[in-house]
Each structure stands twice: as structure tokens, then as C-alpha cells.
Amino acid sequence: IPEAENNGIGSGKSNTEAILNACDEKNIAARLCDEYSIE
């Protein structure tokens, strides 16, 4: 997933989106973060 090779500050979000767009695997690191919420 070459779109997940952005290392600059503020670019982690685009990496996460690239990972989620590339596969639908459950319970992986990027998906846990994407599904996380807190009040």
C-alpha cells in the first residue's frame, strides 16, 4: 500500500485511510483507530 508511506506530521490520517481503502480485514491496527470513539 504505497499510499501508506506518508511520514510527515499530520499525514497519519491519510495513511490510515489508504490502509482501510486497500482491505476490509477486521481487528487490524488502522481499523481499531478508525472505529474508536470517546465521550
PDB file of all heavy atoms in Angstrom:
ATOM      1  N   ILE A   1       0.866  -1.187   0.000  1.00  0.00           N
ATOM      2  CA  ILE A   1       0.000   0.000   0.000  1.00  0.00           C
ATOM      3  C   ILE A   1       0.900   1.233   0.000  1.00  0.00           C
ATOM      4  O   ILE A   1       1.179   1.839   1.054  1.00  0.00           O
ATOM      5  CB  ILE A   1      -0.934   0.016   1.231  1.00  0.00           C
ATOM      6  CG1 ILE A   1      -1.632  -1.339   1.389  1.00  0.00           C
ATOM      7  CG2 ILE A   1      -1.963   1.139   1.117  1.00  0.00           C
ATOM      8  CD1 ILE A   1      -2.433  -1.479   2.661  1.00  0.00           C
ATOM      9  N   PRO A   2       1.425   1.642  -1.148  1.00  0.00           N
ATOM     10  CA  PRO A   2       2.356   2.774  -1.198  1.00  0.00           C
ATOM     11  C   PRO A   2       1.750   4.088  -0.702  1.00  0.00           C
ATOM     12  O   PRO A   2       2.472   4.980  -0.267  1.00  0.00           O
ATOM     13  CB  PRO A   2       2.726   2.868  -2.685  1.00  0.00           C
ATOM     14  CG  PRO A   2       1.669   2.112  -3.411  1.00  0.00           C
ATOM     15  CD  PRO A   2       1.199   1.044  -2.482  1.00  0.00           C
ATOM     16  N   GLU A   3       0.411   4.190  -0.726  1.00  0.00           N
ATOM     17  CA  GLU A   3      -0.241   5.401  -0.216  1.00  0.00           C
ATOM     18  C   GLU A   3      -0.122   5.516   1.304  1.00  0.00           C
ATOM     19  O   GLU A   3      -0.436   6.572   1.870  1.00  0.00           O
ATOM     20  CB  GLU A   3      -1.718   5.420  -0.620  1.00  0.00           C
ATOM     21  CG  GLU A   3      -1.966   5.477  -2.121  1.00  0.00           C
ATOM     22  CD  GLU A   3      -1.922   4.108  -2.774  1.00  0.00           C
ATOM     23  OE1 GLU A   3      -1.754   3.097  -2.055  1.00  0.00           O
ATOM     24  OE2 GLU A   3      -2.045   4.049  -4.020  1.00  0.00           O
ATOM     25  N   ALA A   4       0.344   4.450   1.951  1.00  0.00           N
ATOM     26  CA  ALA A   4       0.515   4.458   3.408  1.00  0.00           C
ATOM     27  C   ALA A   4       1.981   4.638   3.785  1.00  0.00           C
ATOM     28  O   ALA A   4       2.445   4.095   4.792  1.00  0.00           O
ATOM     29  CB  ALA A   4      -0.028   3.160   4.012  1.00  0.00           C
ATOM     30  N   GLU A   5       2.700   5.392   2.985  1.00  0.00           N
ATOM     31  CA  GLU A   5       4.123   5.646   3.264  1.00  0.00           C
ATOM     32  C   GLU A   5       4.388   7.117   3.566  1.00  0.00           C
ATOM     33  O   GLU A   5       5.519   7.590   3.487  1.00  0.00           O
ATOM     34  CB  GLU A   5       4.967   5.174   2.082  1.00  0.00           C
ATOM     35  CG  GLU A   5       4.893   3.661   1.869  1.00  0.00           C
ATOM     36  CD  GLU A   5       5.673   3.188   0.650  1.00  0.00           C
ATOM     37  OE1 GLU A   5       6.309   4.035  -0.016  1.00  0.00           O
ATOM     38  OE2 GLU A   5       5.641   1.971   0.355  1.00  0.00           O
ATOM     39  N   ASN A   6       3.324   7.856   3.936  1.00  0.00           N
ATOM     40  CA  ASN A   6       3.486   9.267   4.304  1.00  0.00           C
ATOM     41  C   ASN A   6       3.961   9.358   5.747  1.00  0.00           C
ATOM     42  O   ASN A   6       3.295   8.863   6.657  1.00  0.00           O
ATOM     43  CB  ASN A   6       2.154  10.009   4.153  1.00  0.00           C
ATOM     44  CG  ASN A   6       1.652   9.984   2.730  1.00  0.00           C
ATOM     45  OD1 ASN A   6       2.340  10.400   1.812  1.00  0.00           O
ATOM     46  ND2 ASN A   6       0.432   9.472   2.535  1.00  0.00           N
ATOM     47  N   ASN A   7       5.082   9.993   5.963  1.00  0.00           N
ATOM     48  CA  ASN A   7       5.668  10.044   7.306  1.00  0.00           C
ATOM     49  C   ASN A   7       5.611  11.412   7.968  1.00  0.00           C
ATOM     50  O   ASN A   7       5.959  11.559   9.133  1.00  0.00           O
ATOM     51  CB  ASN A   7       7.130   9.588   7.250  1.00  0.00           C
ATOM     52  CG  ASN A   7       7.251   8.105   6.954  1.00  0.00           C
ATOM     53  OD1 ASN A   7       6.428   7.308   7.385  1.00  0.00           O
ATOM     54  ND2 ASN A   7       8.282   7.736   6.199  1.00  0.00           N
ATOM     55  N   GLY A   8       5.195  12.445   7.259  1.00  0.00           N
ATOM     56  CA  GLY A   8       5.182  13.789   7.823  1.00  0.00           C
ATOM     57  C   GLY A   8       4.122  13.964   8.897  1.00  0.00           C
ATOM     58  O   GLY A   8       3.089  13.284   8.902  1.00  0.00           O
ATOM     59  N   ILE A   9       4.379  14.894   9.820  1.00  0.00           N
ATOM     60  CA  ILE A   9       3.412  15.211  10.863  1.00  0.00           C
ATOM     61  C   ILE A   9       2.089  15.624  10.224  1.00  0.00           C
ATOM     62  O   ILE A   9       2.040  16.447   9.319  1.00  0.00           O
ATOM     63  CB  ILE A   9       3.932  16.364  11.750  1.00  0.00           C
ATOM     64  CG1 ILE A   9       5.178  15.934  12.526  1.00  0.00           C
ATOM     65  CG2 ILE A   9       2.845  16.844  12.716  1.00  0.00           C
ATOM     66  CD1 ILE A   9       4.930  14.903  13.590  1.00  0.00           C
ATOM     67  N   GLY A  10       0.995  15.041  10.703  1.00  0.00           N
ATOM     68  CA  GLY A  10      -0.322  15.357  10.184  1.00  0.00           C
ATOM     69  C   GLY A  10      -0.779  14.450   9.063  1.00  0.00           C
ATOM     70  O   GLY A  10      -1.916  14.556   8.603  1.00  0.00           O
ATOM     71  N   SER A  11       0.090  13.538   8.608  1.00  0.00           N
ATOM     72  CA  SER A  11      -0.238  12.672   7.473  1.00  0.00           C
ATOM     73  C   SER A  11      -0.658  11.262   7.880  1.00  0.00           C
ATOM     74  O   SER A  11      -0.950  10.431   7.019  1.00  0.00           O
ATOM     75  CB  SER A  11       0.957  12.578   6.514  1.00  0.00           C
ATOM     76  OG  SER A  11       1.285  13.840   5.991  1.00  0.00           O
ATOM     77  N   GLY A  12      -0.695  10.998   9.177  1.00  0.00           N
ATOM     78  CA  GLY A  12      -1.112   9.667   9.620  1.00  0.00           C
ATOM     79  C   GLY A  12      -2.548   9.354   9.221  1.00  0.00           C
ATOM     80  O   GLY A  12      -2.889   8.195   8.977  1.00  0.00           O
ATOM     81  N   LYS A  13      -3.372  10.379   9.153  1.00  0.00           N
ATOM     82  CA  LYS A  13      -4.768  10.171   8.775  1.00  0.00           C
ATOM     83  C   LYS A  13      -4.883   9.647   7.348  1.00  0.00           C
ATOM     84  O   LYS A  13      -5.653   8.720   7.079  1.00  0.00           O
ATOM     85  CB  LYS A  13      -5.552  11.472   8.921  1.00  0.00           C
ATOM     86  CG  LYS A  13      -7.058  11.318   8.688  1.00  0.00           C
ATOM     87  CD  LYS A  13      -7.791  12.598   8.981  1.00  0.00           C
ATOM     88  CE  LYS A  13      -9.295  12.430   8.802  1.00  0.00           C
ATOM     89  NZ  LYS A  13      -9.858  11.451   9.760  1.00  0.00           N
ATOM     90  N   SER A  14      -4.101  10.205   6.425  1.00  0.00           N
ATOM     91  CA  SER A  14      -4.158   9.733   5.040  1.00  0.00           C
ATOM     92  C   SER A  14      -3.604   8.315   4.927  1.00  0.00           C
ATOM     93  O   SER A  14      -4.083   7.515   4.117  1.00  0.00           O
ATOM     94  CB  SER A  14      -3.401  10.686   4.108  1.00  0.00           C
ATOM     95  OG  SER A  14      -2.018  10.739   4.424  1.00  0.00           O
ATOM     96  N   ASN A  15      -2.602   7.971   5.728  1.00  0.00           N
ATOM     97  CA  ASN A  15      -2.109   6.589   5.770  1.00  0.00           C
ATOM     98  C   ASN A  15      -3.223   5.640   6.201  1.00  0.00           C
ATOM     99  O   ASN A  15      -3.426   4.581   5.603  1.00  0.00           O
ATOM    100  CB  ASN A  15      -0.945   6.458   6.749  1.00  0.00           C
ATOM    101  CG  ASN A  15       0.377   6.936   6.190  1.00  0.00           C
ATOM    102  OD1 ASN A  15       0.453   7.356   5.043  1.00  0.00           O
ATOM    103  ND2 ASN A  15       1.410   6.882   6.998  1.00  0.00           N
ATOM    104  N   THR A  16      -3.912   6.024   7.271  1.00  0.00           N
ATOM    105  CA  THR A  16      -4.989   5.189   7.810  1.00  0.00           C
ATOM    106  C   THR A  16      -6.077   4.977   6.767  1.00  0.00           C
ATOM    107  O   THR A  16      -6.565   3.852   6.573  1.00  0.00           O
ATOM    108  CB  THR A  16      -5.586   5.840   9.068  1.00  0.00           C
ATOM    109  OG1 THR A  16      -4.556   6.001  10.053  1.00  0.00           O
ATOM    110  CG2 THR A  16      -6.701   4.984   9.651  1.00  0.00           C
ATOM    111  N   GLU A  17      -6.468   6.049   6.085  1.00  0.00           N
ATOM    112  CA  GLU A  17      -7.495   5.942   5.057  1.00  0.00           C
ATOM    113  C   GLU A  17      -7.040   5.027   3.915  1.00  0.00           C
ATOM    114  O   GLU A  17      -7.837   4.246   3.382  1.00  0.00           O
ATOM    115  CB  GLU A  17      -7.822   7.336   4.519  1.00  0.00           C
ATOM    116  CG  GLU A  17      -8.533   8.212   5.550  1.00  0.00           C
ATOM    117  CD  GLU A  17      -8.650   9.658   5.098  1.00  0.00           C
ATOM    118  OE1 GLU A  17      -7.989  10.014   4.086  1.00  0.00           O
ATOM    119  OE2 GLU A  17      -9.391  10.422   5.741  1.00  0.00           O
ATOM    120  N   ALA A  18      -5.758   5.110   3.563  1.00  0.00           N
ATOM    121  CA  ALA A  18      -5.229   4.261   2.494  1.00  0.00           C
ATOM    122  C   ALA A  18      -5.291   2.790   2.880  1.00  0.00           C
ATOM    123  O   ALA A  18      -5.639   1.929   2.055  1.00  0.00           O
ATOM    124  CB  ALA A  18      -3.790   4.668   2.170  1.00  0.00           C
ATOM    125  N   ILE A  19      -4.956   2.482   4.115  1.00  0.00           N
ATOM    126  CA  ILE A  19      -4.996   1.092   4.595  1.00  0.00           C
ATOM    127  C   ILE A  19      -6.423   0.564   4.565  1.00  0.00           C
ATOM    128  O   ILE A  19      -6.690  -0.551   4.090  1.00  0.00           O
ATOM    129  CB  ILE A  19      -4.417   1.002   6.025  1.00  0.00           C
ATOM    130  CG1 ILE A  19      -2.939   1.383   6.025  1.00  0.00           C
ATOM    131  CG2 ILE A  19      -4.604  -0.411   6.589  1.00  0.00           C
ATOM    132  CD1 ILE A  19      -2.370   1.633   7.409  1.00  0.00           C
ATOM    133  N   LEU A  20      -7.363   1.366   5.058  1.00  0.00           N
ATOM    134  CA  LEU A  20      -8.761   0.936   5.117  1.00  0.00           C
ATOM    135  C   LEU A  20      -9.365   0.792   3.724  1.00  0.00           C
ATOM    136  O   LEU A  20     -10.225  -0.069   3.498  1.00  0.00           O
ATOM    137  CB  LEU A  20      -9.574   1.925   5.947  1.00  0.00           C
ATOM    138  CG  LEU A  20      -9.153   2.057   7.421  1.00  0.00           C
ATOM    139  CD1 LEU A  20     -10.001   3.093   8.126  1.00  0.00           C
ATOM    140  CD2 LEU A  20      -9.234   0.711   8.130  1.00  0.00           C
ATOM    141  N   ASN A  21      -8.915   1.609   2.790  1.00  0.00           N
ATOM    142  CA  ASN A  21      -9.405   1.503   1.414  1.00  0.00           C
ATOM    143  C   ASN A  21      -8.829   0.292   0.688  1.00  0.00           C
ATOM    144  O   ASN A  21      -9.431  -0.213  -0.271  1.00  0.00           O
ATOM    145  CB  ASN A  21      -9.056   2.772   0.630  1.00  0.00           C
ATOM    146  CG  ASN A  21      -9.875   3.971   1.066  1.00  0.00           C
ATOM    147  OD1 ASN A  21     -10.990   3.825   1.566  1.00  0.00           O
ATOM    148  ND2 ASN A  21      -9.327   5.164   0.886  1.00  0.00           N
ATOM    149  N   ALA A  22      -7.674  -0.177   1.168  1.00  0.00           N
ATOM    150  CA  ALA A  22      -6.995  -1.284   0.488  1.00  0.00           C
ATOM    151  C   ALA A  22      -7.531  -2.648   0.890  1.00  0.00           C
ATOM    152  O   ALA A  22      -7.464  -3.602   0.101  1.00  0.00           O
ATOM    153  CB  ALA A  22      -5.496  -1.225   0.771  1.00  0.00           C
ATOM    154  N   CYS A  23      -8.030  -2.775   2.117  1.00  0.00           N
ATOM    155  CA  CYS A  23      -8.530  -4.080   2.565  1.00  0.00           C
ATOM    156  C   CYS A  23      -9.632  -3.902   3.597  1.00  0.00           C
ATOM    157  O   CYS A  23      -9.726  -2.864   4.256  1.00  0.00           O
ATOM    158  CB  CYS A  23      -7.401  -4.943   3.129  1.00  0.00           C
ATOM    159  SG  CYS A  23      -6.817  -4.453   4.759  1.00  0.00           S
ATOM    160  N   ASP A  24     -10.461  -4.940   3.750  1.00  0.00           N
ATOM    161  CA  ASP A  24     -11.570  -4.878   4.701  1.00  0.00           C
ATOM    162  C   ASP A  24     -11.354  -5.804   5.900  1.00  0.00           C
ATOM    163  O   ASP A  24     -12.301  -6.188   6.585  1.00  0.00           O
ATOM    164  CB  ASP A  24     -12.885  -5.213   4.005  1.00  0.00           C
ATOM    165  CG  ASP A  24     -12.871  -6.587   3.332  1.00  0.00           C
ATOM    166  OD1 ASP A  24     -11.857  -7.298   3.468  1.00  0.00           O
ATOM    167  OD2 ASP A  24     -13.877  -6.929   2.676  1.00  0.00           O
ATOM    168  N   GLU A  25     -10.114  -6.143   6.159  1.00  0.00           N
ATOM    169  CA  GLU A  25      -9.783  -7.037   7.274  1.00  0.00           C
ATOM    170  C   GLU A  25     -10.198  -6.417   8.601  1.00  0.00           C
ATOM    171  O   GLU A  25      -9.965  -5.233   8.859  1.00  0.00           O
ATOM    172  CB  GLU A  25      -8.283  -7.328   7.268  1.00  0.00           C
ATOM    173  CG  GLU A  25      -7.845  -8.368   8.294  1.00  0.00           C
ATOM    174  CD  GLU A  25      -6.360  -8.671   8.209  1.00  0.00           C
ATOM    175  OE1 GLU A  25      -5.704  -8.188   7.255  1.00  0.00           O
ATOM    176  OE2 GLU A  25      -5.856  -9.391   9.081  1.00  0.00           O
ATOM    177  N   LYS A  26     -10.814  -7.214   9.465  1.00  0.00           N
ATOM    178  CA  LYS A  26     -11.275  -6.747  10.768  1.00  0.00           C
ATOM    179  C   LYS A  26     -10.136  -6.788  11.795  1.00  0.00           C
ATOM    180  O   LYS A  26      -9.162  -7.510  11.644  1.00  0.00           O
ATOM    181  CB  LYS A  26     -12.440  -7.612  11.264  1.00  0.00           C
ATOM    182  CG  LYS A  26     -13.600  -7.698  10.297  1.00  0.00           C
ATOM    183  CD  LYS A  26     -14.253  -6.352  10.070  1.00  0.00           C
ATOM    184  CE  LYS A  26     -15.457  -6.462   9.151  1.00  0.00           C
ATOM    185  NZ  LYS A  26     -16.068  -5.136   8.864  1.00  0.00           N
ATOM    186  N   ASN A  27     -10.301  -6.012  12.844  1.00  0.00           N
ATOM    187  CA  ASN A  27      -9.394  -6.029  14.003  1.00  0.00           C
ATOM    188  C   ASN A  27      -7.921  -5.851  13.631  1.00  0.00           C
ATOM    189  O   ASN A  27      -7.039  -6.536  14.167  1.00  0.00           O
ATOM    190  CB  ASN A  27      -9.574  -7.329  14.798  1.00  0.00           C
ATOM    191  CG  ASN A  27     -10.936  -7.411  15.480  1.00  0.00           C
ATOM    192  OD1 ASN A  27     -11.531  -6.388  15.813  1.00  0.00           O
ATOM    193  ND2 ASN A  27     -11.416  -8.619  15.694  1.00  0.00           N
ATOM    194  N   ILE A  28      -7.666  -4.942  12.710  1.00  0.00           N
ATOM    195  CA  ILE A  28      -6.283  -4.551  12.427  1.00  0.00           C
ATOM    196  C   ILE A  28      -6.052  -3.161  13.006  1.00  0.00           C
ATOM    197  O   ILE A  28      -6.999  -2.461  13.380  1.00  0.00           O
ATOM    198  CB  ILE A  28      -5.976  -4.565  10.915  1.00  0.00           C
ATOM    199  CG1 ILE A  28      -6.903  -3.613  10.150  1.00  0.00           C
ATOM    200  CG2 ILE A  28      -6.082  -5.985  10.374  1.00  0.00           C
ATOM    201  CD1 ILE A  28      -6.552  -3.478   8.671  1.00  0.00           C
ATOM    202  N   ALA A  29      -4.804  -2.751  13.092  1.00  0.00           N
ATOM    203  CA  ALA A  29      -4.441  -1.524  13.793  1.00  0.00           C
ATOM    204  C   ALA A  29      -5.196  -0.289  13.283  1.00  0.00           C
ATOM    205  O   ALA A  29      -5.785   0.469  14.057  1.00  0.00           O
ATOM    206  CB  ALA A  29      -2.933  -1.304  13.678  1.00  0.00           C
ATOM    207  N   ALA A  30      -5.189  -0.079  11.979  1.00  0.00           N
ATOM    208  CA  ALA A  30      -5.840   1.107  11.411  1.00  0.00           C
ATOM    209  C   ALA A  30      -7.340   1.099  11.672  1.00  0.00           C
ATOM    210  O   ALA A  30      -7.932   2.145  11.970  1.00  0.00           O
ATOM    211  CB  ALA A  30      -5.558   1.187   9.912  1.00  0.00           C
ATOM    212  N   ARG A  31      -7.966  -0.065  11.569  1.00  0.00           N
ATOM    213  CA  ARG A  31      -9.419  -0.130  11.742  1.00  0.00           C
ATOM    214  C   ARG A  31      -9.821   0.121  13.191  1.00  0.00           C
ATOM    215  O   ARG A  31     -10.854   0.762  13.463  1.00  0.00           O
ATOM    216  CB  ARG A  31      -9.966  -1.481  11.265  1.00  0.00           C
ATOM    217  CG  ARG A  31     -11.468  -1.456  11.028  1.00  0.00           C
ATOM    218  CD  ARG A  31     -11.933  -2.694  10.263  1.00  0.00           C
ATOM    219  NE  ARG A  31     -11.249  -2.859   8.997  1.00  0.00           N
ATOM    220  CZ  ARG A  31     -11.538  -2.169   7.897  1.00  0.00           C
ATOM    221  NH1 ARG A  31     -12.483  -1.257   7.923  1.00  0.00           N
ATOM    222  NH2 ARG A  31     -10.870  -2.387   6.777  1.00  0.00           N
ATOM    223  N   LEU A  32      -9.055  -0.371  14.136  1.00  0.00           N
ATOM    224  CA  LEU A  32      -9.359  -0.103  15.545  1.00  0.00           C
ATOM    225  C   LEU A  32      -9.362   1.397  15.814  1.00  0.00           C
ATOM    226  O   LEU A  32     -10.226   1.911  16.541  1.00  0.00           O
ATOM    227  CB  LEU A  32      -8.353  -0.799  16.463  1.00  0.00           C
ATOM    228  CG  LEU A  32      -8.471  -2.307  16.661  1.00  0.00           C
ATOM    229  CD1 LEU A  32      -7.522  -2.756  17.773  1.00  0.00           C
ATOM    230  CD2 LEU A  32      -9.894  -2.722  16.967  1.00  0.00           C
ATOM    231  N   CYS A  33      -8.383   2.101  15.249  1.00  0.00           N
ATOM    232  CA  CYS A  33      -8.319   3.556  15.451  1.00  0.00           C
ATOM    233  C   CYS A  33      -9.499   4.251  14.778  1.00  0.00           C
ATOM    234  O   CYS A  33     -10.097   5.168  15.358  1.00  0.00           O
ATOM    235  CB  CYS A  33      -7.009   4.108  14.889  1.00  0.00           C
ATOM    236  SG  CYS A  33      -5.548   3.560  15.798  1.00  0.00           S
ATOM    237  N   ASP A  34      -9.826   3.818  13.568  1.00  0.00           N
ATOM    238  CA  ASP A  34     -10.921   4.433  12.830  1.00  0.00           C
ATOM    239  C   ASP A  34     -12.258   4.239  13.540  1.00  0.00           C
ATOM    240  O   ASP A  34     -13.139   5.108  13.471  1.00  0.00           O
ATOM    241  CB  ASP A  34     -10.981   3.843  11.421  1.00  0.00           C
ATOM    242  CG  ASP A  34     -12.056   4.472  10.570  1.00  0.00           C
ATOM    243  OD1 ASP A  34     -11.960   5.681  10.287  1.00  0.00           O
ATOM    244  OD2 ASP A  34     -12.996   3.753  10.171  1.00  0.00           O
ATOM    245  N   GLU A  35     -12.438   3.124  14.222  1.00  0.00           N
ATOM    246  CA  GLU A  35     -13.700   2.811  14.897  1.00  0.00           C
ATOM    247  C   GLU A  35     -13.742   3.308  16.335  1.00  0.00           C
ATOM    248  O   GLU A  35     -14.794   3.236  16.981  1.00  0.00           O
ATOM    249  CB  GLU A  35     -13.931   1.297  14.869  1.00  0.00           C
ATOM    250  CG  GLU A  35     -14.148   0.745  13.456  1.00  0.00           C
ATOM    251  CD  GLU A  35     -14.273  -0.765  13.424  1.00  0.00           C
ATOM    252  OE1 GLU A  35     -13.978  -1.405  14.473  1.00  0.00           O
ATOM    253  OE2 GLU A  35     -14.642  -1.311  12.366  1.00  0.00           O
ATOM    254  N   TYR A  36     -12.635   3.826  16.827  1.00  0.00           N
ATOM    255  CA  TYR A  36     -12.564   4.268  18.224  1.00  0.00           C
ATOM    256  C   TYR A  36     -13.330   5.579  18.424  1.00  0.00           C
ATOM    257  O   TYR A  36     -13.311   6.467  17.571  1.00  0.00           O
ATOM    258  CB  TYR A  36     -11.100   4.454  18.628  1.00  0.00           C
ATOM    259  CG  TYR A  36     -10.890   4.995  20.016  1.00  0.00           C
ATOM    260  CD1 TYR A  36     -11.252   4.258  21.135  1.00  0.00           C
ATOM    261  CD2 TYR A  36     -10.322   6.253  20.213  1.00  0.00           C
ATOM    262  CE1 TYR A  36     -11.047   4.749  22.414  1.00  0.00           C
ATOM    263  CE2 TYR A  36     -10.104   6.752  21.491  1.00  0.00           C
ATOM    264  CZ  TYR A  36     -10.478   5.990  22.589  1.00  0.00           C
ATOM    265  OH  TYR A  36     -10.276   6.491  23.851  1.00  0.00           O
ATOM    266  N   SER A  37     -14.001   5.687  19.568  1.00  0.00           N
ATOM    267  CA  SER A  37     -14.652   6.943  19.945  1.00  0.00           C
ATOM    268  C   SER A  37     -14.660   7.048  21.466  1.00  0.00           C
ATOM    269  O   SER A  37     -14.590   6.040  22.177  1.00  0.00           O
ATOM    270  CB  SER A  37     -16.080   7.010  19.407  1.00  0.00           C
ATOM    271  OG  SER A  37     -16.915   6.064  20.045  1.00  0.00           O
ATOM    272  N   ILE A  38     -14.730   8.267  21.957  1.00  0.00           N
ATOM    273  CA  ILE A  38     -14.751   8.503  23.388  1.00  0.00           C
ATOM    274  C   ILE A  38     -15.596   9.725  23.684  1.00  0.00           C
ATOM    275  O   ILE A  38     -15.580  10.702  22.935  1.00  0.00           O
ATOM    276  CB  ILE A  38     -13.315   8.700  23.948  1.00  0.00           C
ATOM    277  CG1 ILE A  38     -13.339   8.854  25.470  1.00  0.00           C
ATOM    278  CG2 ILE A  38     -12.616   9.878  23.286  1.00  0.00           C
ATOM    279  CD1 ILE A  38     -11.951   8.893  26.107  1.00  0.00           C
ATOM    280  N   GLU A  39     -16.374   9.659  24.776  1.00  0.00           N
ATOM    281  CA  GLU A  39     -17.134  10.822  25.227  1.00  0.00           C
ATOM    282  C   GLU A  39     -16.316  11.543  26.293  1.00  0.00           C
ATOM    283  O   GLU A  39     -15.894  10.937  27.281  1.00  0.00           O
ATOM    284  CB  GLU A  39     -18.484  10.417  25.783  1.00  0.00           C
ATOM    285  CG  GLU A  39     -19.326  11.609  26.223  1.00  0.00           C
ATOM    286  CD  GLU A  39     -20.720  11.226  26.685  1.00  0.00           C
ATOM    287  OE1 GLU A  39     -21.144  10.079  26.411  1.00  0.00           O
ATOM    288  OE2 GLU A  39     -21.378  12.063  27.327  1.00  0.00           O
TER     289      GLU A  39
END
